[in-house]
Amino acid sequence: MTSSRVQIVVLLYDAAIQSIELARAGIESNDPKEKGRFLGRAISIIGELNSVLDFEQGGEIARSLHRLYEYMLSELVAANVRNDARRLDGPHRCLTTLREGWREIAAQQTRPVGVR
């Protein structure tokens, strides 16, 4: 994956994380419009990340990401239906962990050859 594609993935994770945080604020302030707006945004981002997985090239990593994305989507829908901010904790943690991994990949791709 090229450096620019990796950076796009990091930006998508950033946007999904921010959307979950804003959806949590909507739930906690009892603002269904904001909750729905930001949960919808997070669901769209994660759905898009899921839809572009290449299972042939990505193998087990792609399958693992698919399972994580499906879990996150399920939890986001449950948070919306049940108006339960706690259901956002798991997806938030997953996305944060994944983002850090992708940031490390991005950093490695931008280092000059031979530099650790």
PDB file of N, CA and C in Angstrom:
ATOM      1  N   MET A   1       0.850  -1.175   0.000  1.00  0.00           N
ATOM      2  CA  MET A   1       0.000   0.000   0.000  1.00  0.00           C
ATOM      3  C   MET A   1       0.894   1.234   0.000  1.00  0.00           C
ATOM      4  N   THR A   2       0.549   2.197  -0.813  1.00  0.00           N
ATOM      5  CA  THR A   2       1.370   3.400  -0.908  1.00  0.00           C
ATOM      6  C   THR A   2       1.198   4.269   0.329  1.00  0.00           C
ATOM      7  N   SER A   3       2.167   5.146   0.530  1.00  0.00           N
ATOM      8  CA  SER A   3       2.149   6.038   1.691  1.00  0.00           C
ATOM      9  C   SER A   3       0.883   6.884   1.721  1.00  0.00           C
ATOM     10  N   SER A   4       0.457   7.387   0.566  1.00  0.00           N
ATOM     11  CA  SER A   4      -0.735   8.238   0.552  1.00  0.00           C
ATOM     12  C   SER A   4      -1.986   7.433   0.913  1.00  0.00           C
ATOM     13  N   ARG A   5      -2.061   6.178   0.503  1.00  0.00           N
ATOM     14  CA  ARG A   5      -3.209   5.343   0.872  1.00  0.00           C
ATOM     15  C   ARG A   5      -3.218   5.060   2.365  1.00  0.00           C
ATOM     16  N   VAL A   6      -2.050   4.813   2.912  1.00  0.00           N
ATOM     17  CA  VAL A   6      -1.949   4.584   4.358  1.00  0.00           C
ATOM     18  C   VAL A   6      -2.393   5.838   5.103  1.00  0.00           C
ATOM     19  N   GLN A   7      -1.974   6.994   4.640  1.00  0.00           N
ATOM     20  CA  GLN A   7      -2.373   8.250   5.285  1.00  0.00           C
ATOM     21  C   GLN A   7      -3.881   8.466   5.193  1.00  0.00           C
ATOM     22  N   ILE A   8      -4.489   8.062   4.091  1.00  0.00           N
ATOM     23  CA  ILE A   8      -5.943   8.168   3.951  1.00  0.00           C
ATOM     24  C   ILE A   8      -6.636   7.271   4.970  1.00  0.00           C
ATOM     25  N   VAL A   9      -6.120   6.063   5.150  1.00  0.00           N
ATOM     26  CA  VAL A   9      -6.696   5.154   6.145  1.00  0.00           C
ATOM     27  C   VAL A   9      -6.608   5.780   7.539  1.00  0.00           C
ATOM     28  N   VAL A  10      -5.469   6.369   7.868  1.00  0.00           N
ATOM     29  CA  VAL A  10      -5.309   7.031   9.172  1.00  0.00           C
ATOM     30  C   VAL A  10      -6.334   8.158   9.313  1.00  0.00           C
ATOM     31  N   LEU A  11      -6.511   8.946   8.274  1.00  0.00           N
ATOM     32  CA  LEU A  11      -7.489  10.040   8.325  1.00  0.00           C
ATOM     33  C   LEU A  11      -8.911   9.512   8.499  1.00  0.00           C
ATOM     34  N   LEU A  12      -9.216   8.389   7.857  1.00  0.00           N
ATOM     35  CA  LEU A  12     -10.543   7.794   8.022  1.00  0.00           C
ATOM     36  C   LEU A  12     -10.750   7.311   9.454  1.00  0.00           C
ATOM     37  N   TYR A  13      -9.728   6.698  10.027  1.00  0.00           N
ATOM     38  CA  TYR A  13      -9.829   6.301  11.438  1.00  0.00           C
ATOM     39  C   TYR A  13     -10.018   7.530  12.320  1.00  0.00           C
ATOM     40  N   ASP A  14      -9.266   8.596  12.061  1.00  0.00           N
ATOM     41  CA  ASP A  14      -9.427   9.837  12.830  1.00  0.00           C
ATOM     42  C   ASP A  14     -10.875  10.327  12.766  1.00  0.00           C
ATOM     43  N   ALA A  15     -11.434  10.339  11.567  1.00  0.00           N
ATOM     44  CA  ALA A  15     -12.800  10.836  11.382  1.00  0.00           C
ATOM     45  C   ALA A  15     -13.819   9.934  12.075  1.00  0.00           C
ATOM     46  N   ALA A  16     -13.621   8.628  12.011  1.00  0.00           N
ATOM     47  CA  ALA A  16     -14.549   7.703  12.673  1.00  0.00           C
ATOM     48  C   ALA A  16     -14.483   7.866  14.189  1.00  0.00           C
ATOM     49  N   ILE A  17     -13.276   7.998  14.717  1.00  0.00           N
ATOM     50  CA  ILE A  17     -13.109   8.188  16.163  1.00  0.00           C
ATOM     51  C   ILE A  17     -13.778   9.487  16.607  1.00  0.00           C
ATOM     52  N   GLN A  18     -13.532  10.558  15.869  1.00  0.00           N
ATOM     53  CA  GLN A  18     -14.152  11.842  16.208  1.00  0.00           C
ATOM     54  C   GLN A  18     -15.677  11.743  16.133  1.00  0.00           C
ATOM     55  N   SER A  19     -16.180  11.049  15.132  1.00  0.00           N
ATOM     56  CA  SER A  19     -17.630  10.897  14.990  1.00  0.00           C
ATOM     57  C   SER A  19     -18.224  10.134  16.167  1.00  0.00           C
ATOM     58  N   ILE A  20     -17.530   9.095  16.620  1.00  0.00           N
ATOM     59  CA  ILE A  20     -18.013   8.339  17.779  1.00  0.00           C
ATOM     60  C   ILE A  20     -18.015   9.226  19.023  1.00  0.00           C
ATOM     61  N   GLU A  21     -16.988  10.025  19.185  1.00  0.00           N
ATOM     62  CA  GLU A  21     -16.936  10.930  20.343  1.00  0.00           C
ATOM     63  C   GLU A  21     -18.081  11.944  20.298  1.00  0.00           C
ATOM     64  N   LEU A  22     -18.373  12.461  19.118  1.00  0.00           N
ATOM     65  CA  LEU A  22     -19.471  13.420  18.984  1.00  0.00           C
ATOM     66  C   LEU A  22     -20.828  12.737  19.147  1.00  0.00           C
ATOM     67  N   ALA A  23     -20.944  11.495  18.684  1.00  0.00           N
ATOM     68  CA  ALA A  23     -22.182  10.734  18.895  1.00  0.00           C
ATOM     69  C   ALA A  23     -22.397  10.486  20.384  1.00  0.00           C
ATOM     70  N   ARG A  24     -21.318  10.166  21.093  1.00  0.00           N
ATOM     71  CA  ARG A  24     -21.410   9.975  22.551  1.00  0.00           C
ATOM     72  C   ARG A  24     -21.934  11.256  23.210  1.00  0.00           C
ATOM     73  N   ALA A  25     -21.413  12.400  22.784  1.00  0.00           N
ATOM     74  CA  ALA A  25     -21.884  13.673  23.338  1.00  0.00           C
ATOM     75  C   ALA A  25     -23.370  13.862  23.041  1.00  0.00           C
ATOM     76  N   GLY A  26     -23.802  13.465  21.851  1.00  0.00           N
ATOM     77  CA  GLY A  26     -25.220  13.559  21.504  1.00  0.00           C
ATOM     78  C   GLY A  26     -26.092  12.678  22.379  1.00  0.00           C
ATOM     79  N   ILE A  27     -25.618  11.468  22.662  1.00  0.00           N
ATOM     80  CA  ILE A  27     -26.371  10.571  23.548  1.00  0.00           C
ATOM     81  C   ILE A  27     -26.429  11.163  24.949  1.00  0.00           C
ATOM     82  N   GLU A  28     -25.278  11.597  25.445  1.00  0.00           N
ATOM     83  CA  GLU A  28     -25.203  12.094  26.821  1.00  0.00           C
ATOM     84  C   GLU A  28     -25.974  13.392  27.028  1.00  0.00           C
ATOM     85  N   SER A  29     -26.111  14.190  25.967  1.00  0.00           N
ATOM     86  CA  SER A  29     -26.877  15.440  26.080  1.00  0.00           C
ATOM     87  C   SER A  29     -28.322  15.263  25.613  1.00  0.00           C
ATOM     88  N   ASN A  30     -28.689  14.014  25.337  1.00  0.00           N
ATOM     89  CA  ASN A  30     -30.045  13.686  24.888  1.00  0.00           C
ATOM     90  C   ASN A  30     -30.425  14.462  23.629  1.00  0.00           C
ATOM     91  N   ASP A  31     -29.500  14.493  22.681  1.00  0.00           N
ATOM     92  CA  ASP A  31     -29.710  15.171  21.400  1.00  0.00           C
ATOM     93  C   ASP A  31     -29.741  14.111  20.294  1.00  0.00           C
ATOM     94  N   PRO A  32     -30.930  13.593  19.984  1.00  0.00           N
ATOM     95  CA  PRO A  32     -31.011  12.501  19.011  1.00  0.00           C
ATOM     96  C   PRO A  32     -30.540  12.887  17.606  1.00  0.00           C
ATOM     97  N   LYS A  33     -30.689  14.149  17.250  1.00  0.00           N
ATOM     98  CA  LYS A  33     -30.257  14.589  15.922  1.00  0.00           C
ATOM     99  C   LYS A  33     -28.738  14.464  15.785  1.00  0.00           C
ATOM    100  N   GLU A  34     -28.011  14.960  16.776  1.00  0.00           N
ATOM    101  CA  GLU A  34     -26.546  14.882  16.736  1.00  0.00           C
ATOM    102  C   GLU A  34     -26.079  13.434  16.871  1.00  0.00           C
ATOM    103  N   LYS A  35     -26.716  12.678  17.758  1.00  0.00           N
ATOM    104  CA  LYS A  35     -26.372  11.269  17.912  1.00  0.00           C
ATOM    105  C   LYS A  35     -26.493  10.561  16.564  1.00  0.00           C
ATOM    106  N   GLY A  36     -27.624  10.736  15.910  1.00  0.00           N
ATOM    107  CA  GLY A  36     -27.857  10.075  14.630  1.00  0.00           C
ATOM    108  C   GLY A  36     -26.909  10.542  13.543  1.00  0.00           C
ATOM    109  N   ARG A  37     -26.656  11.819  13.516  1.00  0.00           N
ATOM    110  CA  ARG A  37     -25.754  12.384  12.502  1.00  0.00           C
ATOM    111  C   ARG A  37     -24.359  11.774  12.613  1.00  0.00           C
ATOM    112  N   PHE A  38     -23.831  11.739  13.826  1.00  0.00           N
ATOM    113  CA  PHE A  38     -22.451  11.280  13.986  1.00  0.00           C
ATOM    114  C   PHE A  38     -22.330   9.762  14.011  1.00  0.00           C
ATOM    115  N   LEU A  39     -23.347   9.061  14.502  1.00  0.00           N
ATOM    116  CA  LEU A  39     -23.314   7.604  14.373  1.00  0.00           C
ATOM    117  C   LEU A  39     -23.402   7.222  12.900  1.00  0.00           C
ATOM    118  N   GLY A  40     -24.239   7.922  12.152  1.00  0.00           N
ATOM    119  CA  GLY A  40     -24.332   7.659  10.716  1.00  0.00           C
ATOM    120  C   GLY A  40     -23.012   7.880  10.007  1.00  0.00           C
ATOM    121  N   ARG A  41     -22.310   8.928  10.394  1.00  0.00           N
ATOM    122  CA  ARG A  41     -21.006   9.206   9.789  1.00  0.00           C
ATOM    123  C   ARG A  41     -20.006   8.090  10.126  1.00  0.00           C
ATOM    124  N   ALA A  42     -19.961   7.690  11.396  1.00  0.00           N
ATOM    125  CA  ALA A  42     -19.038   6.620  11.802  1.00  0.00           C
ATOM    126  C   ALA A  42     -19.373   5.317  11.087  1.00  0.00           C
ATOM    127  N   ILE A  43     -20.652   4.999  10.993  1.00  0.00           N
ATOM    128  CA  ILE A  43     -21.080   3.776  10.308  1.00  0.00           C
ATOM    129  C   ILE A  43     -20.680   3.826   8.840  1.00  0.00           C
ATOM    130  N   SER A  44     -20.846   4.961   8.203  1.00  0.00           N
ATOM    131  CA  SER A  44     -20.459   5.103   6.791  1.00  0.00           C
ATOM    132  C   SER A  44     -18.961   4.897   6.600  1.00  0.00           C
ATOM    133  N   ILE A  45     -18.170   5.477   7.467  1.00  0.00           N
ATOM    134  CA  ILE A  45     -16.711   5.359   7.347  1.00  0.00           C
ATOM    135  C   ILE A  45     -16.276   3.915   7.543  1.00  0.00           C
ATOM    136  N   ILE A  46     -16.770   3.286   8.607  1.00  0.00           N
ATOM    137  CA  ILE A  46     -16.379   1.903   8.876  1.00  0.00           C
ATOM    138  C   ILE A  46     -16.901   0.983   7.778  1.00  0.00           C
ATOM    139  N   GLY A  47     -18.099   1.244   7.307  1.00  0.00           N
ATOM    140  CA  GLY A  47     -18.646   0.458   6.196  1.00  0.00           C
ATOM    141  C   GLY A  47     -17.792   0.568   4.948  1.00  0.00           C
ATOM    142  N   GLU A  48     -17.308   1.755   4.672  1.00  0.00           N
ATOM    143  CA  GLU A  48     -16.439   1.952   3.504  1.00  0.00           C
ATOM    144  C   GLU A  48     -15.108   1.234   3.694  1.00  0.00           C
ATOM    145  N   LEU A  49     -14.511   1.352   4.872  1.00  0.00           N
ATOM    146  CA  LEU A  49     -13.261   0.631   5.148  1.00  0.00           C
ATOM    147  C   LEU A  49     -13.470  -0.871   4.960  1.00  0.00           C
ATOM    148  N   ASN A  50     -14.597  -1.361   5.410  1.00  0.00           N
ATOM    149  CA  ASN A  50     -14.918  -2.782   5.290  1.00  0.00           C
ATOM    150  C   ASN A  50     -15.095  -3.187   3.825  1.00  0.00           C
ATOM    151  N   SER A  51     -15.713  -2.321   3.049  1.00  0.00           N
ATOM    152  CA  SER A  51     -16.040  -2.667   1.658  1.00  0.00           C
ATOM    153  C   SER A  51     -14.823  -2.717   0.740  1.00  0.00           C
ATOM    154  N   VAL A  52     -13.732  -2.092   1.131  1.00  0.00           N
ATOM    155  CA  VAL A  52     -12.552  -2.074   0.260  1.00  0.00           C
ATOM    156  C   VAL A  52     -11.496  -3.097   0.666  1.00  0.00           C
ATOM    157  N   LEU A  53     -11.805  -3.932   1.650  1.00  0.00           N
ATOM    158  CA  LEU A  53     -10.848  -4.969   2.037  1.00  0.00           C
ATOM    159  C   LEU A  53     -10.621  -5.925   0.873  1.00  0.00           C
ATOM    160  N   ASP A  54      -9.383  -6.285   0.663  1.00  0.00           N
ATOM    161  CA  ASP A  54      -9.012  -7.225  -0.396  1.00  0.00           C
ATOM    162  C   ASP A  54      -8.650  -8.551   0.275  1.00  0.00           C
ATOM    163  N   PHE A  55      -9.608  -9.472   0.293  1.00  0.00           N
ATOM    164  CA  PHE A  55      -9.404 -10.743   0.982  1.00  0.00           C
ATOM    165  C   PHE A  55      -8.386 -11.623   0.272  1.00  0.00           C
ATOM    166  N   GLU A  56      -8.264 -11.460  -1.028  1.00  0.00           N
ATOM    167  CA  GLU A  56      -7.296 -12.260  -1.783  1.00  0.00           C
ATOM    168  C   GLU A  56      -5.873 -11.840  -1.428  1.00  0.00           C
ATOM    169  N   GLN A  57      -5.605 -10.547  -1.475  1.00  0.00           N
ATOM    170  CA  GLN A  57      -4.266 -10.042  -1.162  1.00  0.00           C
ATOM    171  C   GLN A  57      -4.022  -9.967   0.340  1.00  0.00           C
ATOM    172  N   GLY A  58      -5.058  -9.607   1.094  1.00  0.00           N
ATOM    173  CA  GLY A  58      -4.894  -9.362   2.521  1.00  0.00           C
ATOM    174  C   GLY A  58      -4.952 -10.590   3.402  1.00  0.00           C
ATOM    175  N   GLY A  59      -5.492 -11.684   2.878  1.00  0.00           N
ATOM    176  CA  GLY A  59      -5.528 -12.934   3.620  1.00  0.00           C
ATOM    177  C   GLY A  59      -6.150 -12.806   4.996  1.00  0.00           C
ATOM    178  N   GLU A  60      -5.475 -13.381   5.982  1.00  0.00           N
ATOM    179  CA  GLU A  60      -6.002 -13.424   7.347  1.00  0.00           C
ATOM    180  C   GLU A  60      -6.136 -12.029   7.953  1.00  0.00           C
ATOM    181  N   ILE A  61      -5.251 -11.114   7.592  1.00  0.00           N
ATOM    182  CA  ILE A  61      -5.365  -9.745   8.118  1.00  0.00           C
ATOM    183  C   ILE A  61      -6.673  -9.115   7.649  1.00  0.00           C
ATOM    184  N   ALA A  62      -6.999  -9.273   6.376  1.00  0.00           N
ATOM    185  CA  ALA A  62      -8.248  -8.722   5.847  1.00  0.00           C
ATOM    186  C   ALA A  62      -9.451  -9.379   6.523  1.00  0.00           C
ATOM    187  N   ARG A  63      -9.389 -10.690   6.734  1.00  0.00           N
ATOM    188  CA  ARG A  63     -10.496 -11.375   7.406  1.00  0.00           C
ATOM    189  C   ARG A  63     -10.653 -10.888   8.849  1.00  0.00           C
ATOM    190  N   SER A  64      -9.541 -10.670   9.532  1.00  0.00           N
ATOM    191  CA  SER A  64      -9.603 -10.158  10.910  1.00  0.00           C
ATOM    192  C   SER A  64     -10.173  -8.743  10.947  1.00  0.00           C
ATOM    193  N   LEU A  65      -9.728  -7.899  10.022  1.00  0.00           N
ATOM    194  CA  LEU A  65     -10.277  -6.540   9.949  1.00  0.00           C
ATOM    195  C   LEU A  65     -11.775  -6.583   9.660  1.00  0.00           C
ATOM    196  N   HIS A  66     -12.178  -7.474   8.774  1.00  0.00           N
ATOM    197  CA  HIS A  66     -13.600  -7.613   8.439  1.00  0.00           C
ATOM    198  C   HIS A  66     -14.414  -7.951   9.694  1.00  0.00           C
ATOM    199  N   ARG A  67     -13.921  -8.896  10.481  1.00  0.00           N
ATOM    200  CA  ARG A  67     -14.631  -9.268  11.714  1.00  0.00           C
ATOM    201  C   ARG A  67     -14.695  -8.084  12.685  1.00  0.00           C
ATOM    202  N   LEU A  68     -13.594  -7.348  12.807  1.00  0.00           N
ATOM    203  CA  LEU A  68     -13.594  -6.165  13.680  1.00  0.00           C
ATOM    204  C   LEU A  68     -14.573  -5.104  13.183  1.00  0.00           C
ATOM    205  N   TYR A  69     -14.551  -4.844  11.884  1.00  0.00           N
ATOM    206  CA  TYR A  69     -15.463  -3.843  11.329  1.00  0.00           C
ATOM    207  C   TYR A  69     -16.920  -4.264  11.535  1.00  0.00           C
ATOM    208  N   GLU A  70     -17.221  -5.541  11.334  1.00  0.00           N
ATOM    209  CA  GLU A  70     -18.591  -6.024  11.531  1.00  0.00           C
ATOM    210  C   GLU A  70     -19.011  -5.869  12.993  1.00  0.00           C
ATOM    211  N   TYR A  71     -18.108  -6.187  13.904  1.00  0.00           N
ATOM    212  CA  TYR A  71     -18.378  -5.999  15.336  1.00  0.00           C
ATOM    213  C   TYR A  71     -18.662  -4.521  15.622  1.00  0.00           C
ATOM    214  N   MET A  72     -17.807  -3.640  15.109  1.00  0.00           N
ATOM    215  CA  MET A  72     -17.983  -2.212  15.371  1.00  0.00           C
ATOM    216  C   MET A  72     -19.309  -1.709  14.810  1.00  0.00           C
ATOM    217  N   LEU A  73     -19.643  -2.129  13.602  1.00  0.00           N
ATOM    218  CA  LEU A  73     -20.908  -1.704  13.004  1.00  0.00           C
ATOM    219  C   LEU A  73     -22.087  -2.165  13.853  1.00  0.00           C
ATOM    220  N   SER A  74     -22.025  -3.392  14.318  1.00  0.00           N
ATOM    221  CA  SER A  74     -23.091  -3.932  15.160  1.00  0.00           C
ATOM    222  C   SER A  74     -23.238  -3.127  16.454  1.00  0.00           C
ATOM    223  N   GLU A  75     -22.131  -2.791  17.074  1.00  0.00           N
ATOM    224  CA  GLU A  75     -22.161  -2.016  18.317  1.00  0.00           C
ATOM    225  C   GLU A  75     -22.675  -0.595  18.087  1.00  0.00           C
ATOM    226  N   LEU A  76     -22.305   0.006  16.966  1.00  0.00           N
ATOM    227  CA  LEU A  76     -22.779   1.364  16.684  1.00  0.00           C
ATOM    228  C   LEU A  76     -24.287   1.377  16.465  1.00  0.00           C
ATOM    229  N   VAL A  77     -24.788   0.377  15.759  1.00  0.00           N
ATOM    230  CA  VAL A  77     -26.239   0.280  15.559  1.00  0.00           C
ATOM    231  C   VAL A  77     -26.932   0.063  16.905  1.00  0.00           C
ATOM    232  N   ALA A  78     -26.366  -0.809  17.743  1.00  0.00           N
ATOM    233  CA  ALA A  78     -26.950  -1.062  19.066  1.00  0.00           C
ATOM    234  C   ALA A  78     -26.934   0.204  19.923  1.00  0.00           C
ATOM    235  N   ALA A  79     -25.859   0.971  19.850  1.00  0.00           N
ATOM    236  CA  ALA A  79     -25.784   2.226  20.606  1.00  0.00           C
ATOM    237  C   ALA A  79     -26.888   3.171  20.170  1.00  0.00           C
ATOM    238  N   ASN A  80     -27.159   3.202  18.887  1.00  0.00           N
ATOM    239  CA  ASN A  80     -28.199   4.069  18.359  1.00  0.00           C
ATOM    240  C   ASN A  80     -29.579   3.601  18.811  1.00  0.00           C
ATOM    241  N   VAL A  81     -29.862   2.319  18.622  1.00  0.00           N
ATOM    242  CA  VAL A  81     -31.185   1.785  18.942  1.00  0.00           C
ATOM    243  C   VAL A  81     -31.469   1.868  20.440  1.00  0.00           C
ATOM    244  N   ARG A  82     -30.468   1.553  21.242  1.00  0.00           N
ATOM    245  CA  ARG A  82     -30.655   1.513  22.699  1.00  0.00           C
ATOM    246  C   ARG A  82     -30.309   2.840  23.384  1.00  0.00           C
ATOM    247  N   ASN A  83     -29.806   3.782  22.590  1.00  0.00           N
ATOM    248  CA  ASN A  83     -29.381   5.077  23.136  1.00  0.00           C
ATOM    249  C   ASN A  83     -28.394   4.871  24.290  1.00  0.00           C
ATOM    250  N   ASP A  84     -27.418   3.996  24.053  1.00  0.00           N
ATOM    251  CA  ASP A  84     -26.494   3.547  25.094  1.00  0.00           C
ATOM    252  C   ASP A  84     -25.063   3.918  24.716  1.00  0.00           C
ATOM    253  N   ALA A  85     -24.536   4.946  25.362  1.00  0.00           N
ATOM    254  CA  ALA A  85     -23.185   5.425  25.052  1.00  0.00           C
ATOM    255  C   ALA A  85     -22.122   4.384  25.370  1.00  0.00           C
ATOM    256  N   ARG A  86     -22.394   3.474  26.304  1.00  0.00           N
ATOM    257  CA  ARG A  86     -21.397   2.443  26.642  1.00  0.00           C
ATOM    258  C   ARG A  86     -21.104   1.525  25.460  1.00  0.00           C
ATOM    259  N   ARG A  87     -22.066   1.380  24.557  1.00  0.00           N
ATOM    260  CA  ARG A  87     -21.859   0.523  23.383  1.00  0.00           C
ATOM    261  C   ARG A  87     -20.841   1.134  22.418  1.00  0.00           C
ATOM    262  N   LEU A  88     -20.464   2.376  22.643  1.00  0.00           N
ATOM    263  CA  LEU A  88     -19.465   3.041  21.801  1.00  0.00           C
ATOM    264  C   LEU A  88     -18.043   2.768  22.270  1.00  0.00           C
ATOM    265  N   ASP A  89     -17.899   2.258  23.490  1.00  0.00           N
ATOM    266  CA  ASP A  89     -16.560   2.054  24.058  1.00  0.00           C
ATOM    267  C   ASP A  89     -15.720   1.077  23.237  1.00  0.00           C
ATOM    268  N   GLY A  90     -16.290  -0.070  22.898  1.00  0.00           N
ATOM    269  CA  GLY A  90     -15.545  -1.081  22.143  1.00  0.00           C
ATOM    270  C   GLY A  90     -15.098  -0.579  20.778  1.00  0.00           C
ATOM    271  N   PRO A  91     -16.023  -0.040  19.973  1.00  0.00           N
ATOM    272  CA  PRO A  91     -15.595   0.496  18.682  1.00  0.00           C
ATOM    273  C   PRO A  91     -14.543   1.599  18.809  1.00  0.00           C
ATOM    274  N   HIS A  92     -14.690   2.448  19.813  1.00  0.00           N
ATOM    275  CA  HIS A  92     -13.716   3.523  20.012  1.00  0.00           C
ATOM    276  C   HIS A  92     -12.336   2.936  20.298  1.00  0.00           C
ATOM    277  N   ARG A  93     -12.278   1.944  21.186  1.00  0.00           N
ATOM    278  CA  ARG A  93     -10.992   1.298  21.505  1.00  0.00           C
ATOM    279  C   ARG A  93     -10.397   0.615  20.278  1.00  0.00           C
ATOM    280  N   CYS A  94     -11.222  -0.122  19.544  1.00  0.00           N
ATOM    281  CA  CYS A  94     -10.731  -0.816  18.343  1.00  0.00           C
ATOM    282  C   CYS A  94     -10.149   0.171  17.341  1.00  0.00           C
ATOM    283  N   LEU A  95     -10.889   1.221  17.063  1.00  0.00           N
ATOM    284  CA  LEU A  95     -10.427   2.203  16.085  1.00  0.00           C
ATOM    285  C   LEU A  95      -9.151   2.896  16.536  1.00  0.00           C
ATOM    286  N   THR A  96      -9.064   3.201  17.817  1.00  0.00           N
ATOM    287  CA  THR A  96      -7.867   3.862  18.339  1.00  0.00           C
ATOM    288  C   THR A  96      -6.650   2.957  18.191  1.00  0.00           C
ATOM    289  N   THR A  97      -6.812   1.682  18.515  1.00  0.00           N
ATOM    290  CA  THR A  97      -5.712   0.720  18.386  1.00  0.00           C
ATOM    291  C   THR A  97      -5.313   0.542  16.927  1.00  0.00           C
ATOM    292  N   LEU A  98      -6.301   0.384  16.059  1.00  0.00           N
ATOM    293  CA  LEU A  98      -6.010   0.226  14.631  1.00  0.00           C
ATOM    294  C   LEU A  98      -5.322   1.469  14.070  1.00  0.00           C
ATOM    295  N   ARG A  99      -5.798   2.637  14.468  1.00  0.00           N
ATOM    296  CA  ARG A  99      -5.190   3.882  13.984  1.00  0.00           C
ATOM    297  C   ARG A  99      -3.717   3.947  14.363  1.00  0.00           C
ATOM    298  N   GLU A 100      -3.381   3.553  15.576  1.00  0.00           N
ATOM    299  CA  GLU A 100      -1.976   3.582  16.000  1.00  0.00           C
ATOM    300  C   GLU A 100      -1.135   2.641  15.148  1.00  0.00           C
ATOM    301  N   GLY A 101      -1.673   1.483  14.827  1.00  0.00           N
ATOM    302  CA  GLY A 101      -0.953   0.560  13.949  1.00  0.00           C
ATOM    303  C   GLY A 101      -0.717   1.148  12.572  1.00  0.00           C
ATOM    304  N   TRP A 102      -1.742   1.769  12.008  1.00  0.00           N
ATOM    305  CA  TRP A 102      -1.596   2.385  10.689  1.00  0.00           C
ATOM    306  C   TRP A 102      -0.657   3.588  10.737  1.00  0.00           C
ATOM    307  N   ARG A 103      -0.662   4.319  11.843  1.00  0.00           N
ATOM    308  CA  ARG A 103       0.288   5.441  11.979  1.00  0.00           C
ATOM    309  C   ARG A 103       1.724   4.926  11.970  1.00  0.00           C
ATOM    310  N   GLU A 104       1.942   3.804  12.627  1.00  0.00           N
ATOM    311  CA  GLU A 104       3.287   3.218  12.638  1.00  0.00           C
ATOM    312  C   GLU A 104       3.691   2.779  11.229  1.00  0.00           C
ATOM    313  N   ILE A 105       2.770   2.193  10.496  1.00  0.00           N
ATOM    314  CA  ILE A 105       3.051   1.817   9.104  1.00  0.00           C
ATOM    315  C   ILE A 105       3.400   3.059   8.295  1.00  0.00           C
ATOM    316  N   ALA A 106       2.623   4.128   8.471  1.00  0.00           N
ATOM    317  CA  ALA A 106       2.887   5.378   7.744  1.00  0.00           C
ATOM    318  C   ALA A 106       4.266   5.922   8.093  1.00  0.00           C
ATOM    319  N   ALA A 107       4.626   5.876   9.371  1.00  0.00           N
ATOM    320  CA  ALA A 107       5.934   6.387   9.797  1.00  0.00           C
ATOM    321  C   ALA A 107       7.062   5.562   9.191  1.00  0.00           C
ATOM    322  N   GLN A 108       6.882   4.256   9.122  1.00  0.00           N
ATOM    323  CA  GLN A 108       7.910   3.392   8.543  1.00  0.00           C
ATOM    324  C   GLN A 108       8.074   3.652   7.050  1.00  0.00           C
ATOM    325  N   GLN A 109       6.968   3.960   6.378  1.00  0.00           N
ATOM    326  CA  GLN A 109       7.039   4.202   4.939  1.00  0.00           C
ATOM    327  C   GLN A 109       7.695   5.531   4.605  1.00  0.00           C
ATOM    328  N   THR A 110       7.694   6.464   5.536  1.00  0.00           N
ATOM    329  CA  THR A 110       8.278   7.777   5.246  1.00  0.00           C
ATOM    330  C   THR A 110       9.724   7.887   5.704  1.00  0.00           C
ATOM    331  N   ARG A 111      10.223   6.877   6.417  1.00  0.00           N
ATOM    332  CA  ARG A 111      11.627   6.897   6.851  1.00  0.00           C
ATOM    333  C   ARG A 111      12.536   6.559   5.678  1.00  0.00           C
ATOM    334  N   PRO A 112      13.703   7.188   5.630  1.00  0.00           N
ATOM    335  CA  PRO A 112      14.676   6.816   4.601  1.00  0.00           C
ATOM    336  C   PRO A 112      15.121   5.364   4.794  1.00  0.00           C
ATOM    337  N   VAL A 113      15.477   4.717   3.719  1.00  0.00           N
ATOM    338  CA  VAL A 113      15.932   3.332   3.768  1.00  0.00           C
ATOM    339  C   VAL A 113      17.131   3.228   4.705  1.00  0.00           C
ATOM    340  N   GLY A 114      17.128   2.222   5.564  1.00  0.00           N
ATOM    341  CA  GLY A 114      18.235   1.990   6.483  1.00  0.00           C
ATOM    342  C   GLY A 114      18.121   2.714   7.804  1.00  0.00           C
ATOM    343  N   VAL A 115      17.095   3.543   7.989  1.00  0.00           N
ATOM    344  CA  VAL A 115      16.913   4.281   9.238  1.00  0.00           C
ATOM    345  C   VAL A 115      15.811   3.594  10.037  1.00  0.00           C
ATOM    346  N   ARG A 116      16.068   3.394  11.316  1.00  0.00           N
ATOM    347  CA  ARG A 116      15.048   2.767  12.173  1.00  0.00           C
ATOM    348  C   ARG A 116      14.272   3.777  12.948  1.00  0.00           C
TER     349      ARG A 116
END
